[in-house]
């Protein structure tokens, strides 16, 4: 009986871990990030894909 209970607990933990990792993945897909590379300003998806330059040779207004 103890082995069955341990096995069931193990599979429940794995299922919860997989679903929480999937939820984190979905959250990061919704985010956009902005960053500077050289003098250009870029945006990308939360996971770093789909990078797109939005400003070339950006400079400070001051």
C-alpha atoms as a PDB file:
ATOM      1  CA  UNK A   1       0.000   0.000   0.000  1.00  0.00           C
ATOM      2  CA  UNK A   2       2.831   2.390   0.847  1.00  0.00           C
ATOM      3  CA  UNK A   3       4.470   1.829  -2.549  1.00  0.00           C
ATOM      4  CA  UNK A   4       1.191   2.599  -4.343  1.00  0.00           C
ATOM      5  CA  UNK A   5       0.740   5.797  -2.347  1.00  0.00           C
ATOM      6  CA  UNK A   6       4.321   6.865  -3.045  1.00  0.00           C
ATOM      7  CA  UNK A   7       3.908   6.187  -6.766  1.00  0.00           C
ATOM      8  CA  UNK A   8       0.661   8.153  -6.898  1.00  0.00           C
ATOM      9  CA  UNK A   9       2.273  11.056  -5.030  1.00  0.00           C
ATOM     10  CA  UNK A  10       5.219  10.978  -7.434  1.00  0.00           C
ATOM     11  CA  UNK A  11       2.993  11.202 -10.523  1.00  0.00           C
ATOM     12  CA  UNK A  12       0.931  14.000  -8.995  1.00  0.00           C
ATOM     13  CA  UNK A  13       4.113  15.992  -8.306  1.00  0.00           C
ATOM     14  CA  UNK A  14       5.321  15.470 -11.868  1.00  0.00           C
ATOM     15  CA  UNK A  15       1.947  16.544 -13.276  1.00  0.00           C
ATOM     16  CA  UNK A  16       1.937  19.696 -11.163  1.00  0.00           C
ATOM     17  CA  UNK A  17       5.516  20.503 -12.138  1.00  0.00           C
ATOM     18  CA  UNK A  18       4.800  20.141 -15.843  1.00  0.00           C
ATOM     19  CA  UNK A  19       1.658  22.269 -15.669  1.00  0.00           C
ATOM     20  CA  UNK A  20       3.422  25.044 -13.733  1.00  0.00           C
ATOM     21  CA  UNK A  21       6.319  25.046 -16.210  1.00  0.00           C
ATOM     22  CA  UNK A  22       3.794  25.324 -19.055  1.00  0.00           C
ATOM     23  CA  UNK A  23       2.063  28.235 -17.298  1.00  0.00           C
ATOM     24  CA  UNK A  24       5.402  30.042 -16.935  1.00  0.00           C
ATOM     25  CA  UNK A  25       6.063  29.527 -20.641  1.00  0.00           C
ATOM     26  CA  UNK A  26       2.702  31.037 -21.582  1.00  0.00           C
ATOM     27  CA  UNK A  27       3.331  34.051 -19.335  1.00  0.00           C
ATOM     28  CA  UNK A  28       6.735  34.754 -20.889  1.00  0.00           C
ATOM     29  CA  UNK A  29       5.239  34.609 -24.399  1.00  0.00           C
ATOM     30  CA  UNK A  30       2.916  37.499 -23.540  1.00  0.00           C
ATOM     31  CA  UNK A  31       5.741  39.820 -22.427  1.00  0.00           C
ATOM     32  CA  UNK A  32       7.643  42.196 -24.677  1.00  0.00           C
ATOM     33  CA  UNK A  33      11.072  43.512 -23.726  1.00  0.00           C
ATOM     34  CA  UNK A  34      12.972  46.541 -25.004  1.00  0.00           C
ATOM     35  CA  UNK A  35      16.757  46.688 -25.055  1.00  0.00           C
ATOM     36  CA  UNK A  36      19.636  48.691 -26.483  1.00  0.00           C
ATOM     37  CA  UNK A  37      22.189  47.172 -28.829  1.00  0.00           C
ATOM     38  CA  UNK A  38      24.837  49.646 -29.918  1.00  0.00           C
ATOM     39  CA  UNK A  39      22.934  52.894 -30.487  1.00  0.00           C
ATOM     40  CA  UNK A  40      19.771  51.115 -31.668  1.00  0.00           C
ATOM     41  CA  UNK A  41      16.651  50.335 -29.618  1.00  0.00           C
ATOM     42  CA  UNK A  42      15.116  46.906 -30.136  1.00  0.00           C
ATOM     43  CA  UNK A  43      12.024  45.022 -28.927  1.00  0.00           C
ATOM     44  CA  UNK A  44      11.593  41.249 -28.583  1.00  0.00           C
ATOM     45  CA  UNK A  45       9.194  38.666 -27.209  1.00  0.00           C
ATOM     46  CA  UNK A  46       9.654  37.641 -23.580  1.00  0.00           C
ATOM     47  CA  UNK A  47      11.665  34.581 -24.586  1.00  0.00           C
ATOM     48  CA  UNK A  48      14.057  36.646 -26.746  1.00  0.00           C
ATOM     49  CA  UNK A  49      12.641  35.682 -30.133  1.00  0.00           C
ATOM     50  CA  UNK A  50      11.183  37.993 -32.790  1.00  0.00           C
ATOM     51  CA  UNK A  51      13.713  40.763 -32.275  1.00  0.00           C
ATOM     52  CA  UNK A  52      12.884  43.937 -34.174  1.00  0.00           C
ATOM     53  CA  UNK A  53      14.819  47.207 -34.321  1.00  0.00           C
ATOM     54  CA  UNK A  54      12.440  50.100 -33.675  1.00  0.00           C
ATOM     55  CA  UNK A  55      14.893  53.038 -33.487  1.00  0.00           C
ATOM     56  CA  UNK A  56      18.174  53.348 -35.365  1.00  0.00           C
ATOM     57  CA  UNK A  57      20.936  55.543 -33.897  1.00  0.00           C
ATOM     58  CA  UNK A  58      18.856  56.560 -30.893  1.00  0.00           C
ATOM     59  CA  UNK A  59      20.263  59.304 -28.691  1.00  0.00           C
ATOM     60  CA  UNK A  60      19.449  60.932 -25.400  1.00  0.00           C
ATOM     61  CA  UNK A  61      17.198  64.014 -25.596  1.00  0.00           C
ATOM     62  CA  UNK A  62      19.382  65.824 -23.052  1.00  0.00           C
END
